[in-house]
C-alpha atoms as a PDB file:
ATOM      1  CA  MET A   1      75.700  80.595 192.961  1.00  0.00           C
ATOM      2  CA  ARG A   2      73.568  78.478 190.518  1.00  0.00           C
ATOM      3  CA  ARG A   3      73.538  78.625 187.389  1.00  0.00           C
ATOM      4  CA  ARG A   4      70.592  79.755 185.417  1.00  0.00           C
ATOM      5  CA  PRO A   5      69.161  76.951 182.715  1.00  0.00           C
ATOM      6  CA  SER A   6      69.699  79.719 180.243  1.00  0.00           C
ATOM      7  CA  ASP A   7      73.098  79.828 180.843  1.00  0.00           C
ATOM      8  CA  THR A   8      75.183  78.647 178.195  1.00  0.00           C
ATOM      9  CA  ILE A   9      79.079  78.076 178.608  1.00  0.00           C
ATOM     10  CA  PRO A  10      79.344  81.120 175.686  1.00  0.00           C
ATOM     11  CA  LEU A  11      76.505  83.499 177.580  1.00  0.00           C
ATOM     12  CA  LEU A  12      78.981  83.000 180.934  1.00  0.00           C
ATOM     13  CA  THR A  13      81.791  83.508 179.191  1.00  0.00           C
ATOM     14  CA  ALA A  14      80.342  86.992 177.719  1.00  0.00           C
ATOM     15  CA  LYS A  15      78.995  87.525 180.724  1.00  0.00           C
ATOM     16  CA  TRP A  16      82.503  87.127 182.899  1.00  0.00           C
ATOM     17  CA  LEU A  17      84.690  88.823 180.132  1.00  0.00           C
ATOM     18  CA  GLY A  18      82.343  91.707 180.052  1.00  0.00           C
ATOM     19  CA  THR A  19      82.230  92.199 183.904  1.00  0.00           C
ATOM     20  CA  ALA A  20      86.419  91.671 183.901  1.00  0.00           C
ATOM     21  CA  THR A  21      87.009  93.922 181.361  1.00  0.00           C
ATOM     22  CA  GLY A  22      84.402  96.605 182.530  1.00  0.00           C
ATOM     23  CA  VAL A  23      86.216  96.601 186.178  1.00  0.00           C
ATOM     24  CA  SER A  24      89.593  96.855 184.558  1.00  0.00           C
ATOM     25  CA  GLY A  25      88.716  99.497 182.441  1.00  0.00           C
ATOM     26  CA  ALA A  26      87.297 101.346 185.562  1.00  0.00           C
ATOM     27  CA  ALA A  27      90.397 100.901 187.533  1.00  0.00           C
ATOM     28  CA  ILE A  28      92.609 102.014 184.717  1.00  0.00           C
ATOM     29  CA  VAL A  29      91.063 105.156 184.310  1.00  0.00           C
ATOM     30  CA  ALA A  30      90.036 105.545 187.932  1.00  0.00           C
ATOM     31  CA  LEU A  31      94.122 105.248 188.901  1.00  0.00           C
ATOM     32  CA  ASN A  32      94.774 107.538 186.084  1.00  0.00           C
ATOM     33  CA  LEU A  33      97.788 105.721 185.313  1.00  0.00           C
ATOM     34  CA  GLY A  34      97.920 107.158 182.164  1.00  0.00           C
ATOM     35  CA  VAL A  35      96.225 105.055 179.754  1.00  0.00           C
ATOM     36  CA  VAL A  36      93.204 106.351 179.892  1.00  0.00           C
ATOM     37  CA  VAL A  37      92.142 105.277 175.994  1.00  0.00           C
ATOM     38  CA  GLU A  38      92.852 101.787 177.217  1.00  0.00           C
ATOM     39  CA  GLY A  39      90.653 102.072 179.755  1.00  0.00           C
ATOM     40  CA  PHE A  40      87.927 103.233 177.129  1.00  0.00           C
ATOM     41  CA  GLY A  41      88.553 100.018 174.685  1.00  0.00           C
ATOM     42  CA  LEU A  42      87.949  98.259 177.677  1.00  0.00           C
ATOM     43  CA  PHE A  43      84.898  99.541 178.741  1.00  0.00           C
ATOM     44  CA  LEU A  44      83.439  99.494 174.949  1.00  0.00           C
ATOM     45  CA  ILE A  45      84.630  95.921 174.902  1.00  0.00           C
ATOM     46  CA  SER A  46      82.549  95.267 178.035  1.00  0.00           C
ATOM     47  CA  SER A  47      79.396  97.188 176.677  1.00  0.00           C
ATOM     48  CA  LEU A  48      79.025  95.678 173.669  1.00  0.00           C
ATOM     49  CA  LEU A  49      79.500  92.317 175.851  1.00  0.00           C
ATOM     50  CA  TRP A  50      76.687  92.990 178.148  1.00  0.00           C
ATOM     51  CA  THR A  51      74.849  94.062 174.881  1.00  0.00           C
ATOM     52  CA  ALA A  52      74.915  90.877 173.817  1.00  0.00           C
ATOM     53  CA  VAL A  53      73.874  89.379 176.785  1.00  0.00           C
ATOM     54  CA  GLY A  54      71.034  91.615 177.324  1.00  0.00           C
ATOM     55  CA  TRP A  55      70.048  90.727 173.697  1.00  0.00           C
ATOM     56  CA  SER A  56      70.494  87.084 173.788  1.00  0.00           C
ATOM     57  CA  GLN A  57      67.914  86.898 177.221  1.00  0.00           C
ATOM     58  CA  ARG A  58      65.546  89.700 175.242  1.00  0.00           C
ATOM     59  CA  GLU A  59      66.716  92.041 178.641  1.00  0.00           C
ATOM     60  CA  MET A  60      66.067  95.412 176.540  1.00  0.00           C
ATOM     61  CA  SER A  61      66.715  97.352 179.598  1.00  0.00           C
ATOM     62  CA  LEU A  62      70.095  95.941 179.711  1.00  0.00           C
ATOM     63  CA  VAL A  63      70.413  96.476 175.711  1.00  0.00           C
ATOM     64  CA  VAL A  64      69.574 100.149 176.415  1.00  0.00           C
ATOM     65  CA  LEU A  65      71.975 100.842 179.339  1.00  0.00           C
ATOM     66  CA  GLN A  66      74.780  99.151 177.624  1.00  0.00           C
ATOM     67  CA  ALA A  67      74.014 100.623 174.004  1.00  0.00           C
ATOM     68  CA  ALA A  68      74.270 104.211 175.741  1.00  0.00           C
ATOM     69  CA  PHE A  69      77.560 103.472 177.143  1.00  0.00           C
ATOM     70  CA  THR A  70      78.724 101.719 174.016  1.00  0.00           C
ATOM     71  CA  ALA A  71      78.108 104.931 172.783  1.00  0.00           C
ATOM     72  CA  ILE A  72      80.026 106.984 175.528  1.00  0.00           C
ATOM     73  CA  ASN A  73      82.923 104.852 175.451  1.00  0.00           C
ATOM     74  CA  LEU A  74      82.987 105.799 171.486  1.00  0.00           C
ATOM     75  CA  VAL A  75      82.751 109.528 172.159  1.00  0.00           C
ATOM     76  CA  GLY A  76      85.184 108.782 174.823  1.00  0.00           C
ATOM     77  CA  ILE A  77      87.721 107.190 172.393  1.00  0.00           C
ATOM     78  CA  TYR A  78      87.169 109.829 169.870  1.00  0.00           C
ATOM     79  CA  ARG A  79      88.026 112.780 172.109  1.00  0.00           C
ATOM     80  CA  TRP A  80      91.652 111.451 172.589  1.00  0.00           C
ATOM     81  CA  PHE A  81      92.050 110.713 169.058  1.00  0.00           C
ATOM     82  CA  GLY A  82      90.206 113.098 167.938  1.00  0.00           C
ATOM     83  CA  PRO A  83      90.881 116.819 166.796  1.00  0.00           C
END
Protein backbone atom coordinates (compact mmCIF):
# COMPACT_ATOMS: atom_id res chain seq x y z
CA MET A 1 0.00 0.00 0.00
CA ARG A 2 1.45 3.36 -1.01
CA ARG A 3 1.72 6.23 1.39
CA ARG A 4 -0.42 9.27 0.66
CA PRO A 5 1.57 12.48 0.16
CA SER A 6 -0.29 14.11 3.07
CA ASP A 7 0.74 11.34 5.51
CA THR A 8 3.55 12.65 7.67
CA ILE A 9 5.41 10.45 10.14
CA PRO A 10 3.42 11.79 13.15
CA LEU A 11 0.16 11.29 11.25
CA LEU A 12 1.09 7.74 10.25
CA THR A 13 2.09 7.03 13.84
CA ALA A 14 -1.26 8.32 15.12
CA LYS A 15 -3.12 6.19 12.57
CA TRP A 16 -1.27 2.99 13.47
CA LEU A 17 -1.43 3.61 17.23
CA GLY A 18 -5.14 4.40 16.88
CA THR A 19 -5.66 1.17 14.99
CA ALA A 20 -3.61 -0.93 17.43
CA THR A 21 -5.31 0.48 20.52
CA GLY A 22 -8.77 0.09 18.97
CA VAL A 23 -8.19 -3.53 18.01
CA SER A 24 -6.62 -4.30 21.39
CA GLY A 25 -9.53 -2.68 23.24
CA ALA A 26 -12.05 -4.65 21.20
CA ALA A 27 -10.22 -7.92 21.87
CA ILE A 28 -10.05 -7.24 25.61
CA VAL A 29 -13.76 -6.45 25.84
CA ALA A 30 -14.80 -9.34 23.56
CA LEU A 31 -12.70 -11.91 25.42
CA ASN A 32 -14.24 -10.83 28.75
CA LEU A 33 -10.89 -11.00 30.52
CA GLY A 34 -12.14 -9.11 33.56
CA VAL A 35 -10.36 -5.92 32.55
CA VAL A 36 -13.19 -4.18 30.73
CA VAL A 37 -12.22 -0.73 31.96
CA GLU A 38 -8.78 -1.15 30.37
CA GLY A 39 -10.52 -2.05 27.12
CA PHE A 40 -12.57 1.15 27.32
CA GLY A 41 -9.36 3.04 28.06
CA LEU A 42 -7.77 1.67 24.90
CA PHE A 43 -10.91 2.52 22.94
CA LEU A 44 -10.71 6.06 24.33
CA ILE A 45 -7.07 6.45 23.26
CA SER A 46 -7.96 5.11 19.82
CA SER A 47 -10.90 7.51 19.46
CA LEU A 48 -8.80 10.50 20.47
CA LEU A 49 -6.02 9.58 18.05
CA TRP A 50 -8.46 9.07 15.19
CA THR A 51 -10.20 12.34 16.03
CA ALA A 52 -6.84 14.10 15.69
CA VAL A 53 -6.20 12.34 12.37
CA GLY A 54 -9.63 13.31 11.05
CA TRP A 55 -9.16 16.91 12.18
CA SER A 56 -5.71 17.19 10.58
CA GLN A 57 -7.02 15.81 7.28
CA ARG A 58 -10.26 17.82 7.42
CA GLU A 59 -12.39 14.66 7.42
CA MET A 60 -15.36 15.90 9.40
CA SER A 61 -17.27 12.62 9.13
CA LEU A 62 -14.35 10.87 10.87
CA VAL A 63 -14.19 13.60 13.52
CA VAL A 64 -17.92 13.29 14.27
CA LEU A 65 -17.76 9.48 14.40
CA GLN A 66 -14.76 9.46 16.72
CA ALA A 67 -16.24 12.21 18.91
CA ALA A 68 -19.30 10.00 19.37
CA PHE A 69 -17.08 7.01 20.19
CA THR A 70 -15.14 9.17 22.67
CA ALA A 71 -18.38 10.10 24.44
CA ILE A 72 -19.50 6.45 24.51
CA ASN A 73 -16.13 5.35 25.90
CA LEU A 74 -16.28 8.02 28.60
CA VAL A 75 -19.76 6.78 29.57
CA GLY A 76 -18.40 3.22 29.76
CA ILE A 77 -15.50 4.29 31.97
CA TYR A 78 -17.81 6.40 34.16
CA ARG A 79 -20.26 3.53 34.58
CA TRP A 80 -17.40 1.21 35.52
CA PHE A 81 -16.00 3.55 38.18
CA GLY A 82 -19.05 5.70 38.91
CA PRO A 83 -21.80 5.33 41.48
